[in-house]
Amino acid sequence: MIRKGRLRVDFYDRNQERLESRTLEAGDVILLASGGHGFEALEACEMIEVKQGPYLGDEDKILFPEDPA
């Protein structure tokens, strides 16, 4: 949930291919159910992220190679 600011979210499929990008603003909410995602703050942001299950830090992530786009 975006509380303040603007944020770009990039959506990826399970093969790490970018599907699309969307700009989110204050009041917007997204649900990430499968595949991957990345965020880029377009201006100072406040957001709330809720994760199901335990947070395992870096063990919880798969980092994609840098996207040149």
PDB file of N, CA and C in Angstrom:
ATOM      1  N   MET A   1       0.855  -1.164   0.000  1.00  0.00           N
ATOM      2  CA  MET A   1       0.000   0.000   0.000  1.00  0.00           C
ATOM      3  C   MET A   1       0.906   1.234   0.000  1.00  0.00           C
ATOM      4  N   ILE A   2       0.641   2.133  -0.909  1.00  0.00           N
ATOM      5  CA  ILE A   2       1.429   3.360  -1.005  1.00  0.00           C
ATOM      6  C   ILE A   2       0.741   4.423  -0.159  1.00  0.00           C
ATOM      7  N   ARG A   3       1.470   4.938   0.825  1.00  0.00           N
ATOM      8  CA  ARG A   3       0.906   5.977   1.697  1.00  0.00           C
ATOM      9  C   ARG A   3       1.204   7.365   1.164  1.00  0.00           C
ATOM     10  N   LYS A   4       2.427   7.574   0.653  1.00  0.00           N
ATOM     11  CA  LYS A   4       2.834   8.876   0.110  1.00  0.00           C
ATOM     12  C   LYS A   4       3.783   8.652  -1.044  1.00  0.00           C
ATOM     13  N   GLY A   5       3.800   9.591  -1.975  1.00  0.00           N
ATOM     14  CA  GLY A   5       4.774   9.558  -3.056  1.00  0.00           C
ATOM     15  C   GLY A   5       4.332   8.736  -4.247  1.00  0.00           C
ATOM     16  N   ARG A   6       5.309   8.477  -5.130  1.00  0.00           N
ATOM     17  CA  ARG A   6       5.067   7.698  -6.352  1.00  0.00           C
ATOM     18  C   ARG A   6       6.147   6.633  -6.475  1.00  0.00           C
ATOM     19  N   LEU A   7       5.737   5.480  -6.976  1.00  0.00           N
ATOM     20  CA  LEU A   7       6.608   4.319  -7.041  1.00  0.00           C
ATOM     21  C   LEU A   7       6.323   3.573  -8.335  1.00  0.00           C
ATOM     22  N   ARG A   8       7.384   3.157  -9.042  1.00  0.00           N
ATOM     23  CA  ARG A   8       7.181   2.299 -10.206  1.00  0.00           C
ATOM     24  C   ARG A   8       7.399   0.854  -9.759  1.00  0.00           C
ATOM     25  N   VAL A   9       6.483  -0.010 -10.148  1.00  0.00           N
ATOM     26  CA  VAL A   9       6.643  -1.444  -9.870  1.00  0.00           C
ATOM     27  C   VAL A   9       6.754  -2.163 -11.208  1.00  0.00           C
ATOM     28  N   ASP A  10       7.775  -3.004 -11.319  1.00  0.00           N
ATOM     29  CA  ASP A  10       7.991  -3.828 -12.505  1.00  0.00           C
ATOM     30  C   ASP A  10       7.552  -5.249 -12.166  1.00  0.00           C
ATOM     31  N   PHE A  11       6.757  -5.844 -13.034  1.00  0.00           N
ATOM     32  CA  PHE A  11       6.257  -7.201 -12.835  1.00  0.00           C
ATOM     33  C   PHE A  11       6.994  -8.151 -13.778  1.00  0.00           C
ATOM     34  N   TYR A  12       7.412  -9.312 -13.248  1.00  0.00           N
ATOM     35  CA  TYR A  12       8.156 -10.304 -14.014  1.00  0.00           C
ATOM     36  C   TYR A  12       7.447 -11.658 -13.934  1.00  0.00           C
ATOM     37  N   ASP A  13       7.613 -12.447 -14.992  1.00  0.00           N
ATOM     38  CA  ASP A  13       7.075 -13.805 -14.941  1.00  0.00           C
ATOM     39  C   ASP A  13       8.062 -14.726 -14.229  1.00  0.00           C
ATOM     40  N   ARG A  14       7.750 -16.001 -14.169  1.00  0.00           N
ATOM     41  CA  ARG A  14       8.605 -16.964 -13.457  1.00  0.00           C
ATOM     42  C   ARG A  14       9.939 -17.201 -14.154  1.00  0.00           C
ATOM     43  N   ASN A  15      10.058 -16.753 -15.405  1.00  0.00           N
ATOM     44  CA  ASN A  15      11.311 -16.880 -16.164  1.00  0.00           C
ATOM     45  C   ASN A  15      12.136 -15.595 -16.099  1.00  0.00           C
ATOM     46  N   GLN A  16      11.762 -14.696 -15.212  1.00  0.00           N
ATOM     47  CA  GLN A  16      12.444 -13.420 -14.992  1.00  0.00           C
ATOM     48  C   GLN A  16      12.344 -12.482 -16.196  1.00  0.00           C
ATOM     49  N   GLU A  17      11.300 -12.655 -17.002  1.00  0.00           N
ATOM     50  CA  GLU A  17      11.032 -11.757 -18.130  1.00  0.00           C
ATOM     51  C   GLU A  17      10.061 -10.677 -17.674  1.00  0.00           C
ATOM     52  N   ARG A  18      10.387  -9.423 -17.975  1.00  0.00           N
ATOM     53  CA  ARG A  18       9.509  -8.326 -17.574  1.00  0.00           C
ATOM     54  C   ARG A  18       8.196  -8.393 -18.334  1.00  0.00           C
ATOM     55  N   LEU A  19       7.097  -8.312 -17.615  1.00  0.00           N
ATOM     56  CA  LEU A  19       5.770  -8.319 -18.209  1.00  0.00           C
ATOM     57  C   LEU A  19       5.271  -6.908 -18.463  1.00  0.00           C
ATOM     58  N   GLU A  20       5.374  -6.072 -17.451  1.00  0.00           N
ATOM     59  CA  GLU A  20       4.927  -4.686 -17.562  1.00  0.00           C
ATOM     60  C   GLU A  20       5.376  -3.898 -16.342  1.00  0.00           C
ATOM     61  N   SER A  21       5.217  -2.596 -16.426  1.00  0.00           N
ATOM     62  CA  SER A  21       5.507  -1.698 -15.310  1.00  0.00           C
ATOM     63  C   SER A  21       4.292  -0.816 -15.083  1.00  0.00           C
ATOM     64  N   ARG A  22       4.068  -0.459 -13.832  1.00  0.00           N
ATOM     65  CA  ARG A  22       2.970   0.436 -13.463  1.00  0.00           C
ATOM     66  C   ARG A  22       3.481   1.464 -12.469  1.00  0.00           C
ATOM     67  N   THR A  23       2.912   2.634 -12.509  1.00  0.00           N
ATOM     68  CA  THR A  23       3.220   3.666 -11.529  1.00  0.00           C
ATOM     69  C   THR A  23       2.119   3.680 -10.481  1.00  0.00           C
ATOM     70  N   LEU A  24       2.535   3.606  -9.228  1.00  0.00           N
ATOM     71  CA  LEU A  24       1.593   3.626  -8.110  1.00  0.00           C
ATOM     72  C   LEU A  24       1.731   4.945  -7.372  1.00  0.00           C
ATOM     73  N   GLU A  25       0.605   5.426  -6.845  1.00  0.00           N
ATOM     74  CA  GLU A  25       0.569   6.685  -6.102  1.00  0.00           C
ATOM     75  C   GLU A  25      -0.138   6.466  -4.777  1.00  0.00           C
ATOM     76  N   ALA A  26      -0.118   7.475  -3.946  1.00  0.00           N
ATOM     77  CA  ALA A  26      -0.743   7.395  -2.625  1.00  0.00           C
ATOM     78  C   ALA A  26      -2.157   6.831  -2.733  1.00  0.00           C
ATOM     79  N   GLY A  27      -2.446   5.817  -1.904  1.00  0.00           N
ATOM     80  CA  GLY A  27      -3.756   5.185  -1.891  1.00  0.00           C
ATOM     81  C   GLY A  27      -3.838   3.922  -2.733  1.00  0.00           C
ATOM     82  N   ASP A  28      -2.845   3.687  -3.615  1.00  0.00           N
ATOM     83  CA  ASP A  28      -2.856   2.484  -4.447  1.00  0.00           C
ATOM     84  C   ASP A  28      -2.394   1.275  -3.641  1.00  0.00           C
ATOM     85  N   VAL A  29      -2.927   0.110  -4.021  1.00  0.00           N
ATOM     86  CA  VAL A  29      -2.593  -1.163  -3.373  1.00  0.00           C
ATOM     87  C   VAL A  29      -2.363  -2.190  -4.473  1.00  0.00           C
ATOM     88  N   ILE A  30      -1.356  -3.070  -4.302  1.00  0.00           N
ATOM     89  CA  ILE A  30      -1.156  -4.174  -5.234  1.00  0.00           C
ATOM     90  C   ILE A  30      -1.051  -5.474  -4.450  1.00  0.00           C
ATOM     91  N   LEU A  31      -1.362  -6.569  -5.137  1.00  0.00           N
ATOM     92  CA  LEU A  31      -1.203  -7.905  -4.583  1.00  0.00           C
ATOM     93  C   LEU A  31      -0.252  -8.644  -5.504  1.00  0.00           C
ATOM     94  N   LEU A  32       0.854  -9.131  -4.951  1.00  0.00           N
ATOM     95  CA  LEU A  32       1.860  -9.862  -5.720  1.00  0.00           C
ATOM     96  C   LEU A  32       1.683 -11.347  -5.422  1.00  0.00           C
ATOM     97  N   ALA A  33       1.189 -12.104  -6.407  1.00  0.00           N
ATOM     98  CA  ALA A  33       0.823 -13.498  -6.162  1.00  0.00           C
ATOM     99  C   ALA A  33       1.815 -14.500  -6.747  1.00  0.00           C
ATOM    100  N   SER A  34       2.478 -14.168  -7.854  1.00  0.00           N
ATOM    101  CA  SER A  34       3.447 -15.088  -8.439  1.00  0.00           C
ATOM    102  C   SER A  34       4.429 -14.291  -9.281  1.00  0.00           C
ATOM    103  N   GLY A  35       5.494 -14.942  -9.716  1.00  0.00           N
ATOM    104  CA  GLY A  35       6.508 -14.255 -10.493  1.00  0.00           C
ATOM    105  C   GLY A  35       7.351 -13.367  -9.591  1.00  0.00           C
ATOM    106  N   GLY A  36       7.952 -12.352 -10.166  1.00  0.00           N
ATOM    107  CA  GLY A  36       8.817 -11.451  -9.410  1.00  0.00           C
ATOM    108  C   GLY A  36       8.372 -10.018  -9.561  1.00  0.00           C
ATOM    109  N   HIS A  37       9.014  -9.153  -8.789  1.00  0.00           N
ATOM    110  CA  HIS A  37       8.697  -7.735  -8.857  1.00  0.00           C
ATOM    111  C   HIS A  37       9.919  -6.927  -8.447  1.00  0.00           C
ATOM    112  N   GLY A  38       9.921  -5.678  -8.867  1.00  0.00           N
ATOM    113  CA  GLY A  38      10.952  -4.733  -8.461  1.00  0.00           C
ATOM    114  C   GLY A  38      10.308  -3.379  -8.286  1.00  0.00           C
ATOM    115  N   PHE A  39      10.892  -2.586  -7.397  1.00  0.00           N
ATOM    116  CA  PHE A  39      10.362  -1.249  -7.126  1.00  0.00           C
ATOM    117  C   PHE A  39      11.423  -0.197  -7.432  1.00  0.00           C
ATOM    118  N   GLU A  40      10.975   0.954  -7.930  1.00  0.00           N
ATOM    119  CA  GLU A  40      11.837   2.129  -8.049  1.00  0.00           C
ATOM    120  C   GLU A  40      11.040   3.332  -7.584  1.00  0.00           C
ATOM    121  N   ALA A  41      11.551   4.020  -6.570  1.00  0.00           N
ATOM    122  CA  ALA A  41      10.885   5.223  -6.066  1.00  0.00           C
ATOM    123  C   ALA A  41      11.047   6.341  -7.091  1.00  0.00           C
ATOM    124  N   LEU A  42       9.948   6.912  -7.521  1.00  0.00           N
ATOM    125  CA  LEU A  42       9.975   8.034  -8.457  1.00  0.00           C
ATOM    126  C   LEU A  42      10.020   9.361  -7.719  1.00  0.00           C
ATOM    127  N   GLU A  43       9.635   9.332  -6.462  1.00  0.00           N
ATOM    128  CA  GLU A  43       9.778  10.459  -5.539  1.00  0.00           C
ATOM    129  C   GLU A  43       9.743   9.860  -4.134  1.00  0.00           C
ATOM    130  N   ALA A  44      10.048  10.658  -3.136  1.00  0.00           N
ATOM    131  CA  ALA A  44      10.073  10.150  -1.759  1.00  0.00           C
ATOM    132  C   ALA A  44       8.761   9.414  -1.465  1.00  0.00           C
ATOM    133  N   CYS A  45       8.882   8.204  -0.929  1.00  0.00           N
ATOM    134  CA  CYS A  45       7.721   7.340  -0.728  1.00  0.00           C
ATOM    135  C   CYS A  45       7.624   6.852   0.711  1.00  0.00           C
ATOM    136  N   GLU A  46       6.400   6.561   1.095  1.00  0.00           N
ATOM    137  CA  GLU A  46       6.110   5.762   2.280  1.00  0.00           C
ATOM    138  C   GLU A  46       5.199   4.648   1.804  1.00  0.00           C
ATOM    139  N   MET A  47       5.592   3.405   2.098  1.00  0.00           N
ATOM    140  CA  MET A  47       4.753   2.284   1.703  1.00  0.00           C
ATOM    141  C   MET A  47       4.722   1.259   2.815  1.00  0.00           C
ATOM    142  N   ILE A  48       3.669   0.480   2.831  1.00  0.00           N
ATOM    143  CA  ILE A  48       3.530  -0.619   3.786  1.00  0.00           C
ATOM    144  C   ILE A  48       3.541  -1.903   2.968  1.00  0.00           C
ATOM    145  N   GLU A  49       4.439  -2.824   3.332  1.00  0.00           N
ATOM    146  CA  GLU A  49       4.517  -4.114   2.657  1.00  0.00           C
ATOM    147  C   GLU A  49       4.183  -5.193   3.675  1.00  0.00           C
ATOM    148  N   VAL A  50       3.270  -6.057   3.322  1.00  0.00           N
ATOM    149  CA  VAL A  50       2.865  -7.155   4.193  1.00  0.00           C
ATOM    150  C   VAL A  50       3.263  -8.449   3.507  1.00  0.00           C
ATOM    151  N   LYS A  51       3.983  -9.290   4.231  1.00  0.00           N
ATOM    152  CA  LYS A  51       4.466 -10.552   3.683  1.00  0.00           C
ATOM    153  C   LYS A  51       3.896 -11.700   4.492  1.00  0.00           C
ATOM    154  N   GLN A  52       3.424 -12.723   3.796  1.00  0.00           N
ATOM    155  CA  GLN A  52       2.935 -13.903   4.482  1.00  0.00           C
ATOM    156  C   GLN A  52       4.124 -14.792   4.835  1.00  0.00           C
ATOM    157  N   GLY A  53       4.156 -15.283   6.038  1.00  0.00           N
ATOM    158  CA  GLY A  53       5.231 -16.173   6.466  1.00  0.00           C
ATOM    159  C   GLY A  53       6.397 -15.406   7.058  1.00  0.00           C
ATOM    160  N   PRO A  54       7.416 -16.125   7.505  1.00  0.00           N
ATOM    161  CA  PRO A  54       8.554 -15.481   8.153  1.00  0.00           C
ATOM    162  C   PRO A  54       9.410 -14.709   7.158  1.00  0.00           C
ATOM    163  N   TYR A  55      10.063 -13.665   7.635  1.00  0.00           N
ATOM    164  CA  TYR A  55      11.003 -12.905   6.823  1.00  0.00           C
ATOM    165  C   TYR A  55      12.388 -13.484   7.049  1.00  0.00           C
ATOM    166  N   LEU A  56      13.037 -13.940   5.974  1.00  0.00           N
ATOM    167  CA  LEU A  56      14.335 -14.595   6.083  1.00  0.00           C
ATOM    168  C   LEU A  56      15.477 -13.739   5.550  1.00  0.00           C
ATOM    169  N   GLY A  57      15.257 -12.439   5.413  1.00  0.00           N
ATOM    170  CA  GLY A  57      16.312 -11.554   4.925  1.00  0.00           C
ATOM    171  C   GLY A  57      16.726 -11.913   3.510  1.00  0.00           C
ATOM    172  N   ASP A  58      18.036 -11.896   3.246  1.00  0.00           N
ATOM    173  CA  ASP A  58      18.537 -12.186   1.897  1.00  0.00           C
ATOM    174  C   ASP A  58      18.230 -13.614   1.445  1.00  0.00           C
ATOM    175  N   GLU A  59      18.028 -14.530   2.375  1.00  0.00           N
ATOM    176  CA  GLU A  59      17.689 -15.908   2.012  1.00  0.00           C
ATOM    177  C   GLU A  59      16.304 -15.996   1.391  1.00  0.00           C
ATOM    178  N   ASP A  60      15.508 -14.957   1.558  1.00  0.00           N
ATOM    179  CA  ASP A  60      14.126 -14.917   1.100  1.00  0.00           C
ATOM    180  C   ASP A  60      14.010 -14.377  -0.324  1.00  0.00           C
ATOM    181  N   LYS A  61      15.129 -13.953  -0.925  1.00  0.00           N
ATOM    182  CA  LYS A  61      15.096 -13.250  -2.205  1.00  0.00           C
ATOM    183  C   LYS A  61      15.862 -14.005  -3.273  1.00  0.00           C
ATOM    184  N   ILE A  62      15.437 -13.835  -4.505  1.00  0.00           N
ATOM    185  CA  ILE A  62      16.208 -14.225  -5.684  1.00  0.00           C
ATOM    186  C   ILE A  62      16.434 -12.941  -6.460  1.00  0.00           C
ATOM    187  N   LEU A  63      17.679 -12.517  -6.587  1.00  0.00           N
ATOM    188  CA  LEU A  63      17.986 -11.278  -7.284  1.00  0.00           C
ATOM    189  C   LEU A  63      18.116 -11.545  -8.773  1.00  0.00           C
ATOM    190  N   PHE A  64      17.436 -10.733  -9.573  1.00  0.00           N
ATOM    191  CA  PHE A  64      17.500 -10.841 -11.022  1.00  0.00           C
ATOM    192  C   PHE A  64      18.720 -10.061 -11.501  1.00  0.00           C
ATOM    193  N   PRO A  65      19.265 -10.419 -12.659  1.00  0.00           N
ATOM    194  CA  PRO A  65      20.335  -9.600 -13.247  1.00  0.00           C
ATOM    195  C   PRO A  65      19.803  -8.194 -13.536  1.00  0.00           C
ATOM    196  N   GLU A  66      20.718  -7.216 -13.589  1.00  0.00           N
ATOM    197  CA  GLU A  66      20.317  -5.838 -13.893  1.00  0.00           C
ATOM    198  C   GLU A  66      19.566  -5.789 -15.214  1.00  0.00           C
ATOM    199  N   ASP A  67      18.481  -5.049 -15.233  1.00  0.00           N
ATOM    200  CA  ASP A  67      17.673  -4.859 -16.433  1.00  0.00           C
ATOM    201  C   ASP A  67      18.144  -3.578 -17.108  1.00  0.00           C
ATOM    202  N   PRO A  68      18.639  -3.643 -18.330  1.00  0.00           N
ATOM    203  CA  PRO A  68      19.160  -2.435 -18.989  1.00  0.00           C
ATOM    204  C   PRO A  68      18.088  -1.430 -19.381  1.00  0.00           C
ATOM    205  N   ALA A  69      16.812  -1.827 -19.315  1.00  0.00           N
ATOM    206  CA  ALA A  69      15.728  -0.924 -19.751  1.00  0.00           C
ATOM    207  C   ALA A  69      15.442   0.156 -18.748  1.00  0.00           C
TER     208      ALA A  69
END
